[in-house]
Amino acid sequence: MSDADDAAVRTFVRDGRLTAMPGKLTRRRAVLDHLARVSFEPGRRYRETEVNDVLRAWCDGVPGVDHVAIRRYLIDLDILAREDGLYWRAYEA
């Protein structure tokens, strides 16, 4: 992780929760990579309900951010992959 990525995580993550969702794509990717690394084990498959529970904990109480949007970002940025209702880390973030 680069210094800029570390700075983004320090800015947007406090006490294991998001404070806001970065608008800039590079910062958003850094924050979501961090979220995936600390929340999802490599090689393990997760049901959608499990993913939702994890993501709700990250964004609970954050204005303008919900677990569905975060899940979509994780998929769109190829951080998580999904098939047949199962999700997993797409690569070693």
PDB file of N, CA and C in Angstrom:
ATOM      1  N   MET A   1       0.848  -1.171   0.000  1.00  0.00           N
ATOM      2  CA  MET A   1       0.000   0.000   0.000  1.00  0.00           C
ATOM      3  C   MET A   1       0.894   1.235   0.000  1.00  0.00           C
ATOM      4  N   SER A   2       0.564   2.192  -0.843  1.00  0.00           N
ATOM      5  CA  SER A   2       1.366   3.404  -0.963  1.00  0.00           C
ATOM      6  C   SER A   2       1.064   4.367   0.189  1.00  0.00           C
ATOM      7  N   ASP A   3       1.898   5.393   0.298  1.00  0.00           N
ATOM      8  CA  ASP A   3       1.660   6.420   1.320  1.00  0.00           C
ATOM      9  C   ASP A   3       0.315   7.110   1.102  1.00  0.00           C
ATOM     10  N   ALA A   4      -0.030   7.358  -0.161  1.00  0.00           N
ATOM     11  CA  ALA A   4      -1.316   7.996  -0.472  1.00  0.00           C
ATOM     12  C   ALA A   4      -2.480   7.094  -0.065  1.00  0.00           C
ATOM     13  N   ASP A   5      -2.329   5.779  -0.298  1.00  0.00           N
ATOM     14  CA  ASP A   5      -3.372   4.833   0.105  1.00  0.00           C
ATOM     15  C   ASP A   5      -3.513   4.807   1.620  1.00  0.00           C
ATOM     16  N   ASP A   6      -2.385   4.783   2.326  1.00  0.00           N
ATOM     17  CA  ASP A   6      -2.416   4.817   3.794  1.00  0.00           C
ATOM     18  C   ASP A   6      -3.114   6.078   4.297  1.00  0.00           C
ATOM     19  N   ALA A   7      -2.807   7.201   3.660  1.00  0.00           N
ATOM     20  CA  ALA A   7      -3.426   8.466   4.062  1.00  0.00           C
ATOM     21  C   ALA A   7      -4.935   8.429   3.840  1.00  0.00           C
ATOM     22  N   ALA A   8      -5.367   7.839   2.738  1.00  0.00           N
ATOM     23  CA  ALA A   8      -6.806   7.731   2.464  1.00  0.00           C
ATOM     24  C   ALA A   8      -7.488   6.882   3.528  1.00  0.00           C
ATOM     25  N   VAL A   9      -6.867   5.776   3.889  1.00  0.00           N
ATOM     26  CA  VAL A   9      -7.451   4.904   4.915  1.00  0.00           C
ATOM     27  C   VAL A   9      -7.508   5.646   6.251  1.00  0.00           C
ATOM     28  N   ARG A  10      -6.437   6.337   6.614  1.00  0.00           N
ATOM     29  CA  ARG A  10      -6.436   7.092   7.875  1.00  0.00           C
ATOM     30  C   ARG A  10      -7.511   8.182   7.883  1.00  0.00           C
ATOM     31  N   THR A  11      -7.764   8.771   6.729  1.00  0.00           N
ATOM     32  CA  THR A  11      -8.752   9.845   6.626  1.00  0.00           C
ATOM     33  C   THR A  11     -10.185   9.333   6.696  1.00  0.00           C
ATOM     34  N   PHE A  12     -10.448   8.196   6.055  1.00  0.00           N
ATOM     35  CA  PHE A  12     -11.830   7.742   5.879  1.00  0.00           C
ATOM     36  C   PHE A  12     -12.226   6.541   6.732  1.00  0.00           C
ATOM     37  N   VAL A  13     -11.296   6.026   7.538  1.00  0.00           N
ATOM     38  CA  VAL A  13     -11.609   4.887   8.415  1.00  0.00           C
ATOM     39  C   VAL A  13     -11.196   5.247   9.838  1.00  0.00           C
ATOM     40  N   ARG A  14     -12.137   5.124  10.755  1.00  0.00           N
ATOM     41  CA  ARG A  14     -11.868   5.365  12.182  1.00  0.00           C
ATOM     42  C   ARG A  14     -12.499   4.236  12.983  1.00  0.00           C
ATOM     43  N   ASP A  15     -11.723   3.637  13.852  1.00  0.00           N
ATOM     44  CA  ASP A  15     -12.230   2.592  14.752  1.00  0.00           C
ATOM     45  C   ASP A  15     -12.975   1.489  14.001  1.00  0.00           C
ATOM     46  N   GLY A  16     -12.429   1.090  12.854  1.00  0.00           N
ATOM     47  CA  GLY A  16     -13.022  -0.001  12.090  1.00  0.00           C
ATOM     48  C   GLY A  16     -14.312   0.340  11.382  1.00  0.00           C
ATOM     49  N   ARG A  17     -14.552   1.630  11.191  1.00  0.00           N
ATOM     50  CA  ARG A  17     -15.769   2.078  10.496  1.00  0.00           C
ATOM     51  C   ARG A  17     -15.431   3.196   9.530  1.00  0.00           C
ATOM     52  N   LEU A  18     -16.224   3.286   8.473  1.00  0.00           N
ATOM     53  CA  LEU A  18     -16.069   4.397   7.541  1.00  0.00           C
ATOM     54  C   LEU A  18     -16.562   5.681   8.182  1.00  0.00           C
ATOM     55  N   THR A  19     -15.884   6.779   7.868  1.00  0.00           N
ATOM     56  CA  THR A  19     -16.376   8.088   8.281  1.00  0.00           C
ATOM     57  C   THR A  19     -17.116   8.751   7.126  1.00  0.00           C
ATOM     58  N   ALA A  20     -16.752   8.372   5.904  1.00  0.00           N
ATOM     59  CA  ALA A  20     -17.382   8.859   4.672  1.00  0.00           C
ATOM     60  C   ALA A  20     -16.838   8.008   3.534  1.00  0.00           C
ATOM     61  N   MET A  21     -17.466   8.113   2.376  1.00  0.00           N
ATOM     62  CA  MET A  21     -16.966   7.414   1.198  1.00  0.00           C
ATOM     63  C   MET A  21     -16.203   8.427   0.350  1.00  0.00           C
ATOM     64  N   PRO A  22     -14.930   8.148   0.061  1.00  0.00           N
ATOM     65  CA  PRO A  22     -14.154   9.085  -0.754  1.00  0.00           C
ATOM     66  C   PRO A  22     -14.788   9.283  -2.129  1.00  0.00           C
ATOM     67  N   GLY A  23     -14.745  10.506  -2.614  1.00  0.00           N
ATOM     68  CA  GLY A  23     -15.243  10.796  -3.949  1.00  0.00           C
ATOM     69  C   GLY A  23     -14.230  10.456  -5.027  1.00  0.00           C
ATOM     70  N   LYS A  24     -12.962  10.655  -4.710  1.00  0.00           N
ATOM     71  CA  LYS A  24     -11.900  10.389  -5.683  1.00  0.00           C
ATOM     72  C   LYS A  24     -11.698   8.876  -5.810  1.00  0.00           C
ATOM     73  N   LEU A  25     -11.671   8.384  -7.044  1.00  0.00           N
ATOM     74  CA  LEU A  25     -11.620   6.947  -7.294  1.00  0.00           C
ATOM     75  C   LEU A  25     -10.399   6.277  -6.670  1.00  0.00           C
ATOM     76  N   THR A  26      -9.225   6.894  -6.738  1.00  0.00           N
ATOM     77  CA  THR A  26      -8.030   6.253  -6.176  1.00  0.00           C
ATOM     78  C   THR A  26      -8.150   6.104  -4.664  1.00  0.00           C
ATOM     79  N   ARG A  27      -8.707   7.098  -4.011  1.00  0.00           N
ATOM     80  CA  ARG A  27      -8.915   7.009  -2.561  1.00  0.00           C
ATOM     81  C   ARG A  27      -9.995   5.981  -2.231  1.00  0.00           C
ATOM     82  N   ARG A  28     -11.061   5.978  -3.032  1.00  0.00           N
ATOM     83  CA  ARG A  28     -12.142   5.009  -2.811  1.00  0.00           C
ATOM     84  C   ARG A  28     -11.605   3.589  -2.918  1.00  0.00           C
ATOM     85  N   ARG A  29     -10.789   3.337  -3.947  1.00  0.00           N
ATOM     86  CA  ARG A  29     -10.220   1.998  -4.122  1.00  0.00           C
ATOM     87  C   ARG A  29      -9.343   1.630  -2.930  1.00  0.00           C
ATOM     88  N   ALA A  30      -8.528   2.552  -2.459  1.00  0.00           N
ATOM     89  CA  ALA A  30      -7.652   2.275  -1.318  1.00  0.00           C
ATOM     90  C   ALA A  30      -8.468   1.913  -0.080  1.00  0.00           C
ATOM     91  N   VAL A  31      -9.521   2.672   0.172  1.00  0.00           N
ATOM     92  CA  VAL A  31     -10.363   2.414   1.344  1.00  0.00           C
ATOM     93  C   VAL A  31     -11.081   1.077   1.205  1.00  0.00           C
ATOM     94  N   LEU A  32     -11.607   0.785   0.024  1.00  0.00           N
ATOM     95  CA  LEU A  32     -12.323  -0.474  -0.183  1.00  0.00           C
ATOM     96  C   LEU A  32     -11.374  -1.670  -0.184  1.00  0.00           C
ATOM     97  N   ASP A  33     -10.161  -1.502  -0.699  1.00  0.00           N
ATOM     98  CA  ASP A  33      -9.153  -2.571  -0.594  1.00  0.00           C
ATOM     99  C   ASP A  33      -8.882  -2.887   0.874  1.00  0.00           C
ATOM    100  N   HIS A  34      -8.724  -1.848   1.676  1.00  0.00           N
ATOM    101  CA  HIS A  34      -8.501  -2.027   3.114  1.00  0.00           C
ATOM    102  C   HIS A  34      -9.673  -2.767   3.750  1.00  0.00           C
ATOM    103  N   LEU A  35     -10.876  -2.324   3.454  1.00  0.00           N
ATOM    104  CA  LEU A  35     -12.079  -2.954   3.992  1.00  0.00           C
ATOM    105  C   LEU A  35     -12.100  -4.442   3.643  1.00  0.00           C
ATOM    106  N   ALA A  36     -11.807  -4.770   2.397  1.00  0.00           N
ATOM    107  CA  ALA A  36     -11.820  -6.178   1.968  1.00  0.00           C
ATOM    108  C   ALA A  36     -10.739  -6.988   2.680  1.00  0.00           C
ATOM    109  N   ARG A  37      -9.547  -6.412   2.819  1.00  0.00           N
ATOM    110  CA  ARG A  37      -8.442  -7.127   3.479  1.00  0.00           C
ATOM    111  C   ARG A  37      -8.761  -7.479   4.919  1.00  0.00           C
ATOM    112  N   VAL A  38      -9.368  -6.536   5.630  1.00  0.00           N
ATOM    113  CA  VAL A  38      -9.611  -6.780   7.052  1.00  0.00           C
ATOM    114  C   VAL A  38     -10.925  -7.501   7.324  1.00  0.00           C
ATOM    115  N   SER A  39     -11.810  -7.573   6.339  1.00  0.00           N
ATOM    116  CA  SER A  39     -13.141  -8.137   6.572  1.00  0.00           C
ATOM    117  C   SER A  39     -13.396  -9.493   5.941  1.00  0.00           C
ATOM    118  N   PHE A  40     -12.678  -9.819   4.873  1.00  0.00           N
ATOM    119  CA  PHE A  40     -12.968 -11.040   4.121  1.00  0.00           C
ATOM    120  C   PHE A  40     -11.702 -11.869   3.952  1.00  0.00           C
ATOM    121  N   GLU A  41     -11.780 -13.127   4.358  1.00  0.00           N
ATOM    122  CA  GLU A  41     -10.633 -14.031   4.269  1.00  0.00           C
ATOM    123  C   GLU A  41     -10.408 -14.463   2.825  1.00  0.00           C
ATOM    124  N   PRO A  42      -9.142 -14.504   2.389  1.00  0.00           N
ATOM    125  CA  PRO A  42      -8.863 -14.998   1.038  1.00  0.00           C
ATOM    126  C   PRO A  42      -9.306 -16.450   0.904  1.00  0.00           C
ATOM    127  N   GLY A  43      -9.900 -16.771  -0.233  1.00  0.00           N
ATOM    128  CA  GLY A  43     -10.286 -18.146  -0.509  1.00  0.00           C
ATOM    129  C   GLY A  43     -11.619 -18.575   0.077  1.00  0.00           C
ATOM    130  N   ARG A  44     -12.171 -17.783   0.966  1.00  0.00           N
ATOM    131  CA  ARG A  44     -13.459 -18.144   1.573  1.00  0.00           C
ATOM    132  C   ARG A  44     -14.604 -17.545   0.761  1.00  0.00           C
ATOM    133  N   ARG A  45     -15.682 -18.301   0.627  1.00  0.00           N
ATOM    134  CA  ARG A  45     -16.896 -17.832  -0.051  1.00  0.00           C
ATOM    135  C   ARG A  45     -17.890 -17.370   1.011  1.00  0.00           C
ATOM    136  N   TYR A  46     -18.542 -16.254   0.737  1.00  0.00           N
ATOM    137  CA  TYR A  46     -19.499 -15.660   1.673  1.00  0.00           C
ATOM    138  C   TYR A  46     -20.872 -15.557   1.019  1.00  0.00           C
ATOM    139  N   ARG A  47     -21.907 -15.889   1.776  1.00  0.00           N
ATOM    140  CA  ARG A  47     -23.272 -15.655   1.308  1.00  0.00           C
ATOM    141  C   ARG A  47     -23.539 -14.144   1.322  1.00  0.00           C
ATOM    142  N   GLU A  48     -24.477 -13.722   0.501  1.00  0.00           N
ATOM    143  CA  GLU A  48     -24.787 -12.297   0.415  1.00  0.00           C
ATOM    144  C   GLU A  48     -25.197 -11.727   1.769  1.00  0.00           C
ATOM    145  N   THR A  49     -25.925 -12.492   2.552  1.00  0.00           N
ATOM    146  CA  THR A  49     -26.330 -12.003   3.876  1.00  0.00           C
ATOM    147  C   THR A  49     -25.119 -11.759   4.770  1.00  0.00           C
ATOM    148  N   GLU A  50     -24.091 -12.606   4.655  1.00  0.00           N
ATOM    149  CA  GLU A  50     -22.865 -12.408   5.443  1.00  0.00           C
ATOM    150  C   GLU A  50     -22.149 -11.136   5.002  1.00  0.00           C
ATOM    151  N   VAL A  51     -22.055 -10.941   3.694  1.00  0.00           N
ATOM    152  CA  VAL A  51     -21.410  -9.738   3.160  1.00  0.00           C
ATOM    153  C   VAL A  51     -22.173  -8.500   3.636  1.00  0.00           C
ATOM    154  N   ASN A  52     -23.483  -8.545   3.540  1.00  0.00           N
ATOM    155  CA  ASN A  52     -24.298  -7.407   3.981  1.00  0.00           C
ATOM    156  C   ASN A  52     -24.076  -7.091   5.453  1.00  0.00           C
ATOM    157  N   ASP A  53     -24.011  -8.104   6.293  1.00  0.00           N
ATOM    158  CA  ASP A  53     -23.781  -7.886   7.726  1.00  0.00           C
ATOM    159  C   ASP A  53     -22.438  -7.208   7.978  1.00  0.00           C
ATOM    160  N   VAL A  54     -21.405  -7.674   7.291  1.00  0.00           N
ATOM    161  CA  VAL A  54     -20.071  -7.074   7.442  1.00  0.00           C
ATOM    162  C   VAL A  54     -20.098  -5.616   6.989  1.00  0.00           C
ATOM    163  N   LEU A  55     -20.685  -5.370   5.837  1.00  0.00           N
ATOM    164  CA  LEU A  55     -20.688  -4.016   5.285  1.00  0.00           C
ATOM    165  C   LEU A  55     -21.569  -3.067   6.095  1.00  0.00           C
ATOM    166  N   ARG A  56     -22.652  -3.556   6.636  1.00  0.00           N
ATOM    167  CA  ARG A  56     -23.497  -2.707   7.509  1.00  0.00           C
ATOM    168  C   ARG A  56     -22.691  -2.201   8.702  1.00  0.00           C
ATOM    169  N   ALA A  57     -21.878  -3.072   9.266  1.00  0.00           N
ATOM    170  CA  ALA A  57     -21.056  -2.671  10.415  1.00  0.00           C
ATOM    171  C   ALA A  57     -20.081  -1.559  10.030  1.00  0.00           C
ATOM    172  N   TRP A  58     -19.570  -1.595   8.811  1.00  0.00           N
ATOM    173  CA  TRP A  58     -18.631  -0.578   8.344  1.00  0.00           C
ATOM    174  C   TRP A  58     -19.302   0.775   8.134  1.00  0.00           C
ATOM    175  N   CYS A  59     -20.560   0.777   7.703  1.00  0.00           N
ATOM    176  CA  CYS A  59     -21.173   2.049   7.302  1.00  0.00           C
ATOM    177  C   CYS A  59     -22.318   2.498   8.195  1.00  0.00           C
ATOM    178  N   ASP A  60     -22.603   1.778   9.252  1.00  0.00           N
ATOM    179  CA  ASP A  60     -23.710   2.127  10.135  1.00  0.00           C
ATOM    180  C   ASP A  60     -23.555   3.552  10.657  1.00  0.00           C
ATOM    181  N   GLY A  61     -24.553   4.374  10.402  1.00  0.00           N
ATOM    182  CA  GLY A  61     -24.538   5.743  10.897  1.00  0.00           C
ATOM    183  C   GLY A  61     -23.788   6.735  10.038  1.00  0.00           C
ATOM    184  N   VAL A  62     -23.236   6.301   8.903  1.00  0.00           N
ATOM    185  CA  VAL A  62     -22.507   7.210   8.024  1.00  0.00           C
ATOM    186  C   VAL A  62     -23.497   7.803   7.018  1.00  0.00           C
ATOM    187  N   PRO A  63     -23.698   9.102   7.055  1.00  0.00           N
ATOM    188  CA  PRO A  63     -24.660   9.719   6.135  1.00  0.00           C
ATOM    189  C   PRO A  63     -24.273   9.490   4.672  1.00  0.00           C
ATOM    190  N   GLY A  64     -25.250   9.099   3.873  1.00  0.00           N
ATOM    191  CA  GLY A  64     -25.026   8.949   2.441  1.00  0.00           C
ATOM    192  C   GLY A  64     -24.300   7.695   2.016  1.00  0.00           C
ATOM    193  N   VAL A  65     -24.013   6.793   2.948  1.00  0.00           N
ATOM    194  CA  VAL A  65     -23.308   5.550   2.612  1.00  0.00           C
ATOM    195  C   VAL A  65     -24.121   4.384   3.151  1.00  0.00           C
ATOM    196  N   ASP A  66     -24.400   3.416   2.290  1.00  0.00           N
ATOM    197  CA  ASP A  66     -25.095   2.225   2.764  1.00  0.00           C
ATOM    198  C   ASP A  66     -24.394   0.965   2.260  1.00  0.00           C
ATOM    199  N   HIS A  67     -24.733  -0.153   2.871  1.00  0.00           N
ATOM    200  CA  HIS A  67     -24.036  -1.400   2.566  1.00  0.00           C
ATOM    201  C   HIS A  67     -24.246  -1.839   1.122  1.00  0.00           C
ATOM    202  N   VAL A  68     -25.383  -1.509   0.535  1.00  0.00           N
ATOM    203  CA  VAL A  68     -25.644  -1.899  -0.854  1.00  0.00           C
ATOM    204  C   VAL A  68     -24.705  -1.150  -1.799  1.00  0.00           C
ATOM    205  N   ALA A  69     -24.521   0.137  -1.565  1.00  0.00           N
ATOM    206  CA  ALA A  69     -23.601   0.919  -2.393  1.00  0.00           C
ATOM    207  C   ALA A  69     -22.172   0.407  -2.244  1.00  0.00           C
ATOM    208  N   ILE A  70     -21.765   0.113  -1.020  1.00  0.00           N
ATOM    209  CA  ILE A  70     -20.409  -0.398  -0.811  1.00  0.00           C
ATOM    210  C   ILE A  70     -20.227  -1.736  -1.513  1.00  0.00           C
ATOM    211  N   ARG A  71     -21.205  -2.610  -1.405  1.00  0.00           N
ATOM    212  CA  ARG A  71     -21.121  -3.915  -2.077  1.00  0.00           C
ATOM    213  C   ARG A  71     -20.974  -3.718  -3.588  1.00  0.00           C
ATOM    214  N   ARG A  72     -21.743  -2.802  -4.153  1.00  0.00           N
ATOM    215  CA  ARG A  72     -21.662  -2.514  -5.590  1.00  0.00           C
ATOM    216  C   ARG A  72     -20.276  -1.991  -5.953  1.00  0.00           C
ATOM    217  N   TYR A  73     -19.740  -1.061  -5.167  1.00  0.00           N
ATOM    218  CA  TYR A  73     -18.388  -0.550  -5.431  1.00  0.00           C
ATOM    219  C   TYR A  73     -17.366  -1.689  -5.395  1.00  0.00           C
ATOM    220  N   LEU A  74     -17.473  -2.562  -4.408  1.00  0.00           N
ATOM    221  CA  LEU A  74     -16.527  -3.679  -4.293  1.00  0.00           C
ATOM    222  C   LEU A  74     -16.575  -4.578  -5.521  1.00  0.00           C
ATOM    223  N   ILE A  75     -17.754  -4.815  -6.054  1.00  0.00           N
ATOM    224  CA  ILE A  75     -17.901  -5.632  -7.259  1.00  0.00           C
ATOM    225  C   ILE A  75     -17.402  -4.863  -8.479  1.00  0.00           C
ATOM    226  N   ASP A  76     -17.848  -3.627  -8.632  1.00  0.00           N
ATOM    227  CA  ASP A  76     -17.480  -2.829  -9.806  1.00  0.00           C
ATOM    228  C   ASP A  76     -15.978  -2.601  -9.909  1.00  0.00           C
ATOM    229  N   LEU A  77     -15.300  -2.494  -8.777  1.00  0.00           N
ATOM    230  CA  LEU A  77     -13.851  -2.272  -8.771  1.00  0.00           C
ATOM    231  C   LEU A  77     -13.061  -3.579  -8.761  1.00  0.00           C
ATOM    232  N   ASP A  78     -13.774  -4.708  -8.914  1.00  0.00           N
ATOM    233  CA  ASP A  78     -13.137  -6.038  -8.949  1.00  0.00           C
ATOM    234  C   ASP A  78     -12.360  -6.360  -7.678  1.00  0.00           C
ATOM    235  N   ILE A  79     -12.832  -5.849  -6.559  1.00  0.00           N
ATOM    236  CA  ILE A  79     -12.240  -6.184  -5.272  1.00  0.00           C
ATOM    237  C   ILE A  79     -12.899  -7.448  -4.732  1.00  0.00           C
ATOM    238  N   LEU A  80     -14.209  -7.533  -4.893  1.00  0.00           N
ATOM    239  CA  LEU A  80     -14.943  -8.770  -4.626  1.00  0.00           C
ATOM    240  C   LEU A  80     -15.488  -9.296  -5.949  1.00  0.00           C
ATOM    241  N   ALA A  81     -15.606 -10.605  -6.023  1.00  0.00           N
ATOM    242  CA  ALA A  81     -16.262 -11.256  -7.163  1.00  0.00           C
ATOM    243  C   ALA A  81     -17.501 -11.951  -6.636  1.00  0.00           C
ATOM    244  N   ARG A  82     -18.431 -12.252  -7.537  1.00  0.00           N
ATOM    245  CA  ARG A  82     -19.630 -12.953  -7.090  1.00  0.00           C
ATOM    246  C   ARG A  82     -20.142 -13.865  -8.197  1.00  0.00           C
ATOM    247  N   GLU A  83     -20.776 -14.933  -7.738  1.00  0.00           N
ATOM    248  CA  GLU A  83     -21.419 -15.881  -8.644  1.00  0.00           C
ATOM    249  C   GLU A  83     -22.387 -16.723  -7.828  1.00  0.00           C
ATOM    250  N   ASP A  84     -23.574 -16.920  -8.371  1.00  0.00           N
ATOM    251  CA  ASP A  84     -24.591 -17.762  -7.730  1.00  0.00           C
ATOM    252  C   ASP A  84     -24.850 -17.387  -6.274  1.00  0.00           C
ATOM    253  N   GLY A  85     -24.876 -16.091  -5.985  1.00  0.00           N
ATOM    254  CA  GLY A  85     -25.182 -15.639  -4.635  1.00  0.00           C
ATOM    255  C   GLY A  85     -24.038 -15.734  -3.648  1.00  0.00           C
ATOM    256  N   LEU A  86     -22.845 -16.100  -4.124  1.00  0.00           N
ATOM    257  CA  LEU A  86     -21.663 -16.175  -3.258  1.00  0.00           C
ATOM    258  C   LEU A  86     -20.665 -15.095  -3.654  1.00  0.00           C
ATOM    259  N   TYR A  87     -19.967 -14.573  -2.648  1.00  0.00           N
ATOM    260  CA  TYR A  87     -18.988 -13.510  -2.846  1.00  0.00           C
ATOM    261  C   TYR A  87     -17.647 -13.963  -2.291  1.00  0.00           C
ATOM    262  N   TRP A  88     -16.559 -13.462  -2.879  1.00  0.00           N
ATOM    263  CA  TRP A  88     -15.216 -13.761  -2.398  1.00  0.00           C
ATOM    264  C   TRP A  88     -14.280 -12.654  -2.861  1.00  0.00           C
ATOM    265  N   ARG A  89     -13.129 -12.569  -2.196  1.00  0.00           N
ATOM    266  CA  ARG A  89     -12.119 -11.601  -2.611  1.00  0.00           C
ATOM    267  C   ARG A  89     -11.609 -11.996  -3.982  1.00  0.00           C
ATOM    268  N   ALA A  90     -11.617 -11.039  -4.900  1.00  0.00           N
ATOM    269  CA  ALA A  90     -11.243 -11.315  -6.283  1.00  0.00           C
ATOM    270  C   ALA A  90      -9.737 -11.479  -6.439  1.00  0.00           C
ATOM    271  N   TYR A  91      -8.978 -10.887  -5.550  1.00  0.00           N
ATOM    272  CA  TYR A  91      -7.524 -10.973  -5.580  1.00  0.00           C
ATOM    273  C   TYR A  91      -7.011 -10.653  -4.192  1.00  0.00           C
ATOM    274  N   GLU A  92      -5.753 -10.880  -3.988  1.00  0.00           N
ATOM    275  CA  GLU A  92      -5.147 -10.575  -2.688  1.00  0.00           C
ATOM    276  C   GLU A  92      -4.899  -9.078  -2.618  1.00  0.00           C
ATOM    277  N   ALA A  93      -5.855  -8.340  -2.062  1.00  0.00           N
ATOM    278  CA  ALA A  93      -5.769  -6.873  -1.973  1.00  0.00           C
ATOM    279  C   ALA A  93      -4.681  -6.461  -1.012  1.00  0.00           C
TER     280      ALA A  93
END
